[in-house]
Amino acid sequence: MMADDAFLMQMSLPELKNFLIERGIRVSGYRKNELLNLAREAFKQKLERKCNLADESARQLVNGTVYPHPDSSDIL
């Protein structure tokens, strides 16, 4: 097992989705094992982040709820 694979396998589902969303990959409609395959491919292709969802500037606060920035691609 590769180090990247071990790293991905330890991610929770929300972490895995954020990893993919940050790289511009849609996550809705996929099961966790399918998301893992997408993340493996993202590592293989060395896809860079388009945004950082952990960065508060990449989020918007609306009525007390935090939403990903619209440019970050898919909303969970």
PDB file of N, CA and C in Angstrom:
ATOM      1  N   MET A   1       0.840  -1.183   0.000  1.00  0.00           N
ATOM      2  CA  MET A   1       0.000   0.000   0.000  1.00  0.00           C
ATOM      3  C   MET A   1       0.884   1.245   0.000  1.00  0.00           C
ATOM      4  N   MET A   2       0.594   2.190  -0.875  1.00  0.00           N
ATOM      5  CA  MET A   2       1.364   3.418  -0.966  1.00  0.00           C
ATOM      6  C   MET A   2       1.050   4.326   0.216  1.00  0.00           C
ATOM      7  N   ALA A   3       1.978   5.244   0.522  1.00  0.00           N
ATOM      8  CA  ALA A   3       1.771   6.190   1.617  1.00  0.00           C
ATOM      9  C   ALA A   3       0.540   7.048   1.359  1.00  0.00           C
ATOM     10  N   ASP A   4       0.347   7.481   0.094  1.00  0.00           N
ATOM     11  CA  ASP A   4      -0.824   8.295  -0.248  1.00  0.00           C
ATOM     12  C   ASP A   4      -2.108   7.522   0.015  1.00  0.00           C
ATOM     13  N   ASP A   5      -2.109   6.246  -0.317  1.00  0.00           N
ATOM     14  CA  ASP A   5      -3.288   5.411  -0.117  1.00  0.00           C
ATOM     15  C   ASP A   5      -3.603   5.275   1.368  1.00  0.00           C
ATOM     16  N   ALA A   6      -2.588   5.076   2.188  1.00  0.00           N
ATOM     17  CA  ALA A   6      -2.795   4.967   3.635  1.00  0.00           C
ATOM     18  C   ALA A   6      -3.361   6.278   4.187  1.00  0.00           C
ATOM     19  N   PHE A   7      -2.853   7.389   3.683  1.00  0.00           N
ATOM     20  CA  PHE A   7      -3.343   8.706   4.091  1.00  0.00           C
ATOM     21  C   PHE A   7      -4.822   8.860   3.738  1.00  0.00           C
ATOM     22  N   LEU A   8      -5.195   8.479   2.532  1.00  0.00           N
ATOM     23  CA  LEU A   8      -6.580   8.599   2.087  1.00  0.00           C
ATOM     24  C   LEU A   8      -7.503   7.665   2.864  1.00  0.00           C
ATOM     25  N   MET A   9      -7.052   6.464   3.157  1.00  0.00           N
ATOM     26  CA  MET A   9      -7.876   5.483   3.871  1.00  0.00           C
ATOM     27  C   MET A   9      -8.217   5.948   5.288  1.00  0.00           C
ATOM     28  N   GLN A  10      -7.375   6.809   5.876  1.00  0.00           N
ATOM     29  CA  GLN A  10      -7.610   7.295   7.234  1.00  0.00           C
ATOM     30  C   GLN A  10      -8.586   8.465   7.273  1.00  0.00           C
ATOM     31  N   MET A  11      -8.890   9.038   6.115  1.00  0.00           N
ATOM     32  CA  MET A  11      -9.784  10.194   6.069  1.00  0.00           C
ATOM     33  C   MET A  11     -11.228   9.795   6.359  1.00  0.00           C
ATOM     34  N   SER A  12     -11.919  10.685   7.084  1.00  0.00           N
ATOM     35  CA  SER A  12     -13.359  10.502   7.259  1.00  0.00           C
ATOM     36  C   SER A  12     -14.036  10.889   5.948  1.00  0.00           C
ATOM     37  N   LEU A  13     -15.298  10.560   5.806  1.00  0.00           N
ATOM     38  CA  LEU A  13     -16.021  10.892   4.582  1.00  0.00           C
ATOM     39  C   LEU A  13     -16.042  12.401   4.316  1.00  0.00           C
ATOM     40  N   PRO A  14     -16.338  13.252   5.319  1.00  0.00           N
ATOM     41  CA  PRO A  14     -16.302  14.701   5.067  1.00  0.00           C
ATOM     42  C   PRO A  14     -14.902  15.193   4.661  1.00  0.00           C
ATOM     43  N   GLU A  15     -13.850  14.647   5.266  1.00  0.00           N
ATOM     44  CA  GLU A  15     -12.479  15.032   4.898  1.00  0.00           C
ATOM     45  C   GLU A  15     -12.169  14.629   3.457  1.00  0.00           C
ATOM     46  N   LEU A  16     -12.589  13.450   3.089  1.00  0.00           N
ATOM     47  CA  LEU A  16     -12.364  12.957   1.734  1.00  0.00           C
ATOM     48  C   LEU A  16     -13.104  13.833   0.719  1.00  0.00           C
ATOM     49  N   LYS A  17     -14.342  14.180   1.034  1.00  0.00           N
ATOM     50  CA  LYS A  17     -15.109  15.049   0.142  1.00  0.00           C
ATOM     51  C   LYS A  17     -14.445  16.412   0.006  1.00  0.00           C
ATOM     52  N   ASN A  18     -13.994  16.990   1.109  1.00  0.00           N
ATOM     53  CA  ASN A  18     -13.307  18.282   1.057  1.00  0.00           C
ATOM     54  C   ASN A  18     -12.029  18.194   0.232  1.00  0.00           C
ATOM     55  N   PHE A  19     -11.282  17.121   0.385  1.00  0.00           N
ATOM     56  CA  PHE A  19     -10.061  16.908  -0.394  1.00  0.00           C
ATOM     57  C   PHE A  19     -10.369  16.981  -1.884  1.00  0.00           C
ATOM     58  N   LEU A  20     -11.444  16.326  -2.293  1.00  0.00           N
ATOM     59  CA  LEU A  20     -11.818  16.293  -3.707  1.00  0.00           C
ATOM     60  C   LEU A  20     -12.391  17.630  -4.173  1.00  0.00           C
ATOM     61  N   ILE A  21     -13.245  18.236  -3.373  1.00  0.00           N
ATOM     62  CA  ILE A  21     -13.852  19.519  -3.729  1.00  0.00           C
ATOM     63  C   ILE A  21     -12.774  20.581  -3.921  1.00  0.00           C
ATOM     64  N   GLU A  22     -11.771  20.582  -3.038  1.00  0.00           N
ATOM     65  CA  GLU A  22     -10.679  21.549  -3.153  1.00  0.00           C
ATOM     66  C   GLU A  22      -9.934  21.419  -4.482  1.00  0.00           C
ATOM     67  N   ARG A  23     -10.041  20.267  -5.105  1.00  0.00           N
ATOM     68  CA  ARG A  23      -9.375  20.028  -6.387  1.00  0.00           C
ATOM     69  C   ARG A  23     -10.343  20.122  -7.570  1.00  0.00           C
ATOM     70  N   GLY A  24     -11.551  20.611  -7.284  1.00  0.00           N
ATOM     71  CA  GLY A  24     -12.525  20.832  -8.338  1.00  0.00           C
ATOM     72  C   GLY A  24     -13.266  19.595  -8.798  1.00  0.00           C
ATOM     73  N   ILE A  25     -13.280  18.550  -7.978  1.00  0.00           N
ATOM     74  CA  ILE A  25     -13.928  17.290  -8.333  1.00  0.00           C
ATOM     75  C   ILE A  25     -15.291  17.215  -7.638  1.00  0.00           C
ATOM     76  N   ARG A  26     -16.321  16.954  -8.410  1.00  0.00           N
ATOM     77  CA  ARG A  26     -17.666  16.809  -7.851  1.00  0.00           C
ATOM     78  C   ARG A  26     -17.738  15.540  -6.999  1.00  0.00           C
ATOM     79  N   VAL A  27     -18.478  15.625  -5.892  1.00  0.00           N
ATOM     80  CA  VAL A  27     -18.535  14.497  -4.960  1.00  0.00           C
ATOM     81  C   VAL A  27     -19.935  13.928  -4.762  1.00  0.00           C
ATOM     82  N   SER A  28     -20.951  14.625  -5.214  1.00  0.00           N
ATOM     83  CA  SER A  28     -22.307  14.154  -4.962  1.00  0.00           C
ATOM     84  C   SER A  28     -22.614  12.909  -5.794  1.00  0.00           C
ATOM     85  N   GLY A  29     -23.318  11.972  -5.159  1.00  0.00           N
ATOM     86  CA  GLY A  29     -23.737  10.754  -5.847  1.00  0.00           C
ATOM     87  C   GLY A  29     -22.748   9.610  -5.795  1.00  0.00           C
ATOM     88  N   TYR A  30     -21.620   9.795  -5.124  1.00  0.00           N
ATOM     89  CA  TYR A  30     -20.604   8.741  -5.039  1.00  0.00           C
ATOM     90  C   TYR A  30     -20.578   8.116  -3.644  1.00  0.00           C
ATOM     91  N   ARG A  31     -20.273   6.843  -3.589  1.00  0.00           N
ATOM     92  CA  ARG A  31     -20.051   6.158  -2.309  1.00  0.00           C
ATOM     93  C   ARG A  31     -18.591   6.353  -1.903  1.00  0.00           C
ATOM     94  N   LYS A  32     -18.300   6.039  -0.629  1.00  0.00           N
ATOM     95  CA  LYS A  32     -16.958   6.305  -0.122  1.00  0.00           C
ATOM     96  C   LYS A  32     -15.887   5.584  -0.935  1.00  0.00           C
ATOM     97  N   ASN A  33     -16.108   4.337  -1.312  1.00  0.00           N
ATOM     98  CA  ASN A  33     -15.073   3.624  -2.068  1.00  0.00           C
ATOM     99  C   ASN A  33     -14.850   4.266  -3.442  1.00  0.00           C
ATOM    100  N   GLU A  34     -15.913   4.826  -4.032  1.00  0.00           N
ATOM    101  CA  GLU A  34     -15.770   5.533  -5.306  1.00  0.00           C
ATOM    102  C   GLU A  34     -15.014   6.849  -5.114  1.00  0.00           C
ATOM    103  N   LEU A  35     -15.289   7.527  -4.000  1.00  0.00           N
ATOM    104  CA  LEU A  35     -14.569   8.760  -3.685  1.00  0.00           C
ATOM    105  C   LEU A  35     -13.085   8.472  -3.441  1.00  0.00           C
ATOM    106  N   LEU A  36     -12.801   7.348  -2.785  1.00  0.00           N
ATOM    107  CA  LEU A  36     -11.405   6.946  -2.577  1.00  0.00           C
ATOM    108  C   LEU A  36     -10.699   6.738  -3.915  1.00  0.00           C
ATOM    109  N   ASN A  37     -11.368   6.103  -4.857  1.00  0.00           N
ATOM    110  CA  ASN A  37     -10.769   5.896  -6.183  1.00  0.00           C
ATOM    111  C   ASN A  37     -10.517   7.223  -6.887  1.00  0.00           C
ATOM    112  N   LEU A  38     -11.455   8.168  -6.764  1.00  0.00           N
ATOM    113  CA  LEU A  38     -11.263   9.493  -7.342  1.00  0.00           C
ATOM    114  C   LEU A  38     -10.073  10.205  -6.693  1.00  0.00           C
ATOM    115  N   ALA A  39      -9.960  10.088  -5.364  1.00  0.00           N
ATOM    116  CA  ALA A  39      -8.848  10.724  -4.648  1.00  0.00           C
ATOM    117  C   ALA A  39      -7.514  10.094  -5.032  1.00  0.00           C
ATOM    118  N   ARG A  40      -7.493   8.780  -5.202  1.00  0.00           N
ATOM    119  CA  ARG A  40      -6.260   8.118  -5.653  1.00  0.00           C
ATOM    120  C   ARG A  40      -5.827   8.653  -7.018  1.00  0.00           C
ATOM    121  N   GLU A  41      -6.804   8.827  -7.893  1.00  0.00           N
ATOM    122  CA  GLU A  41      -6.509   9.349  -9.229  1.00  0.00           C
ATOM    123  C   GLU A  41      -6.028  10.802  -9.148  1.00  0.00           C
ATOM    124  N   ALA A  42      -6.616  11.572  -8.242  1.00  0.00           N
ATOM    125  CA  ALA A  42      -6.185  12.964  -8.048  1.00  0.00           C
ATOM    126  C   ALA A  42      -4.723  13.008  -7.592  1.00  0.00           C
ATOM    127  N   PHE A  43      -4.338  12.103  -6.669  1.00  0.00           N
ATOM    128  CA  PHE A  43      -2.943  12.008  -6.235  1.00  0.00           C
ATOM    129  C   PHE A  43      -2.046  11.599  -7.402  1.00  0.00           C
ATOM    130  N   LYS A  44      -2.498  10.614  -8.144  1.00  0.00           N
ATOM    131  CA  LYS A  44      -1.720  10.098  -9.276  1.00  0.00           C
ATOM    132  C   LYS A  44      -1.452  11.203 -10.305  1.00  0.00           C
ATOM    133  N   GLN A  45      -2.470  12.035 -10.554  1.00  0.00           N
ATOM    134  CA  GLN A  45      -2.339  13.115 -11.524  1.00  0.00           C
ATOM    135  C   GLN A  45      -1.754  14.388 -10.915  1.00  0.00           C
ATOM    136  N   LYS A  46      -1.478  14.350  -9.613  1.00  0.00           N
ATOM    137  CA  LYS A  46      -0.915  15.493  -8.890  1.00  0.00           C
ATOM    138  C   LYS A  46      -1.761  16.753  -9.065  1.00  0.00           C
ATOM    139  N   LEU A  47      -3.084  16.575  -8.926  1.00  0.00           N
ATOM    140  CA  LEU A  47      -3.988  17.720  -9.038  1.00  0.00           C
ATOM    141  C   LEU A  47      -3.752  18.674  -7.878  1.00  0.00           C
ATOM    142  N   GLU A  48      -3.636  19.946  -8.198  1.00  0.00           N
ATOM    143  CA  GLU A  48      -3.426  20.961  -7.172  1.00  0.00           C
ATOM    144  C   GLU A  48      -4.762  21.486  -6.681  1.00  0.00           C
ATOM    145  N   ARG A  49      -4.736  22.061  -5.481  1.00  0.00           N
ATOM    146  CA  ARG A  49      -5.936  22.655  -4.907  1.00  0.00           C
ATOM    147  C   ARG A  49      -6.353  23.870  -5.723  1.00  0.00           C
ATOM    148  N   LYS A  50      -7.648  23.987  -5.944  1.00  0.00           N
ATOM    149  CA  LYS A  50      -8.203  25.185  -6.558  1.00  0.00           C
ATOM    150  C   LYS A  50      -8.606  26.177  -5.473  1.00  0.00           C
ATOM    151  N   CYS A  51      -8.905  25.648  -4.283  1.00  0.00           N
ATOM    152  CA  CYS A  51      -9.245  26.473  -3.130  1.00  0.00           C
ATOM    153  C   CYS A  51      -8.916  25.658  -1.880  1.00  0.00           C
ATOM    154  N   ASN A  52      -8.904  26.328  -0.741  1.00  0.00           N
ATOM    155  CA  ASN A  52      -8.653  25.661   0.531  1.00  0.00           C
ATOM    156  C   ASN A  52      -9.878  25.867   1.405  1.00  0.00           C
ATOM    157  N   LEU A  53     -10.689  24.823   1.563  1.00  0.00           N
ATOM    158  CA  LEU A  53     -11.924  24.947   2.331  1.00  0.00           C
ATOM    159  C   LEU A  53     -11.676  25.195   3.812  1.00  0.00           C
ATOM    160  N   ALA A  54     -10.471  24.931   4.305  1.00  0.00           N
ATOM    161  CA  ALA A  54     -10.143  25.214   5.703  1.00  0.00           C
ATOM    162  C   ALA A  54      -9.872  26.699   5.903  1.00  0.00           C
ATOM    163  N   ASP A  55      -9.594  27.404   4.811  1.00  0.00           N
ATOM    164  CA  ASP A  55      -9.323  28.834   4.850  1.00  0.00           C
ATOM    165  C   ASP A  55     -10.645  29.578   4.955  1.00  0.00           C
ATOM    166  N   GLU A  56     -10.798  30.382   5.979  1.00  0.00           N
ATOM    167  CA  GLU A  56     -12.059  31.098   6.201  1.00  0.00           C
ATOM    168  C   GLU A  56     -12.409  32.016   5.039  1.00  0.00           C
ATOM    169  N   SER A  57     -11.413  32.506   4.291  1.00  0.00           N
ATOM    170  CA  SER A  57     -11.718  33.383   3.164  1.00  0.00           C
ATOM    171  C   SER A  57     -12.381  32.617   2.021  1.00  0.00           C
ATOM    172  N   ALA A  58     -12.288  31.284   2.040  1.00  0.00           N
ATOM    173  CA  ALA A  58     -12.903  30.466   1.001  1.00  0.00           C
ATOM    174  C   ALA A  58     -14.330  30.077   1.382  1.00  0.00           C
ATOM    175  N   ARG A  59     -14.813  30.596   2.511  1.00  0.00           N
ATOM    176  CA  ARG A  59     -16.154  30.256   2.988  1.00  0.00           C
ATOM    177  C   ARG A  59     -16.999  31.503   3.097  1.00  0.00           C
ATOM    178  N   GLN A  60     -18.291  31.302   3.096  1.00  0.00           N
ATOM    179  CA  GLN A  60     -19.216  32.407   3.276  1.00  0.00           C
ATOM    180  C   GLN A  60     -20.155  32.074   4.429  1.00  0.00           C
ATOM    181  N   LEU A  61     -20.415  33.063   5.249  1.00  0.00           N
ATOM    182  CA  LEU A  61     -21.320  32.909   6.385  1.00  0.00           C
ATOM    183  C   LEU A  61     -22.652  33.548   6.016  1.00  0.00           C
ATOM    184  N   VAL A  62     -23.723  32.747   6.036  1.00  0.00           N
ATOM    185  CA  VAL A  62     -25.055  33.236   5.714  1.00  0.00           C
ATOM    186  C   VAL A  62     -25.996  32.809   6.838  1.00  0.00           C
ATOM    187  N   ASN A  63     -26.553  33.782   7.527  1.00  0.00           N
ATOM    188  CA  ASN A  63     -27.464  33.510   8.645  1.00  0.00           C
ATOM    189  C   ASN A  63     -26.882  32.506   9.638  1.00  0.00           C
ATOM    190  N   GLY A  64     -25.613  32.643   9.957  1.00  0.00           N
ATOM    191  CA  GLY A  64     -24.967  31.780  10.934  1.00  0.00           C
ATOM    192  C   GLY A  64     -24.497  30.439  10.408  1.00  0.00           C
ATOM    193  N   THR A  65     -24.728  30.143   9.135  1.00  0.00           N
ATOM    194  CA  THR A  65     -24.302  28.882   8.539  1.00  0.00           C
ATOM    195  C   THR A  65     -23.131  29.143   7.602  1.00  0.00           C
ATOM    196  N   VAL A  66     -22.086  28.314   7.709  1.00  0.00           N
ATOM    197  CA  VAL A  66     -20.910  28.462   6.854  1.00  0.00           C
ATOM    198  C   VAL A  66     -21.079  27.594   5.617  1.00  0.00           C
ATOM    199  N   TYR A  67     -20.908  28.204   4.447  1.00  0.00           N
ATOM    200  CA  TYR A  67     -21.001  27.498   3.173  1.00  0.00           C
ATOM    201  C   TYR A  67     -19.678  27.615   2.429  1.00  0.00           C
ATOM    202  N   PRO A  68     -19.296  26.589   1.659  1.00  0.00           N
ATOM    203  CA  PRO A  68     -18.098  26.734   0.828  1.00  0.00           C
ATOM    204  C   PRO A  68     -18.306  27.872  -0.173  1.00  0.00           C
ATOM    205  N   HIS A  69     -17.224  28.508  -0.538  1.00  0.00           N
ATOM    206  CA  HIS A  69     -17.271  29.556  -1.544  1.00  0.00           C
ATOM    207  C   HIS A  69     -17.826  28.980  -2.832  1.00  0.00           C
ATOM    208  N   PRO A  70     -18.673  29.696  -3.542  1.00  0.00           N
ATOM    209  CA  PRO A  70     -19.260  29.140  -4.783  1.00  0.00           C
ATOM    210  C   PRO A  70     -18.236  28.717  -5.811  1.00  0.00           C
ATOM    211  N   ASP A  71     -17.075  29.350  -5.831  1.00  0.00           N
ATOM    212  CA  ASP A  71     -16.031  28.980  -6.787  1.00  0.00           C
ATOM    213  C   ASP A  71     -15.322  27.690  -6.414  1.00  0.00           C
ATOM    214  N   SER A  72     -15.633  27.126  -5.237  1.00  0.00           N
ATOM    215  CA  SER A  72     -14.951  25.918  -4.791  1.00  0.00           C
ATOM    216  C   SER A  72     -15.517  24.675  -5.436  1.00  0.00           C
ATOM    217  N   SER A  73     -16.506  24.815  -6.308  1.00  0.00           N
ATOM    218  CA  SER A  73     -17.095  23.720  -7.067  1.00  0.00           C
ATOM    219  C   SER A  73     -18.377  23.244  -6.429  1.00  0.00           C
ATOM    220  N   ASP A  74     -18.381  22.041  -5.913  1.00  0.00           N
ATOM    221  CA  ASP A  74     -19.584  21.368  -5.446  1.00  0.00           C
ATOM    222  C   ASP A  74     -19.869  21.671  -3.979  1.00  0.00           C
ATOM    223  N   ILE A  75     -21.104  21.878  -3.626  1.00  0.00           N
ATOM    224  CA  ILE A  75     -21.482  22.046  -2.220  1.00  0.00           C
ATOM    225  C   ILE A  75     -21.945  20.700  -1.707  1.00  0.00           C
ATOM    226  N   LEU A  76     -21.460  20.313  -0.541  1.00  0.00           N
ATOM    227  CA  LEU A  76     -21.770  18.989   0.020  1.00  0.00           C
ATOM    228  C   LEU A  76     -23.236  18.801   0.204  1.00  0.00           C
TER     229      LEU A  76
END
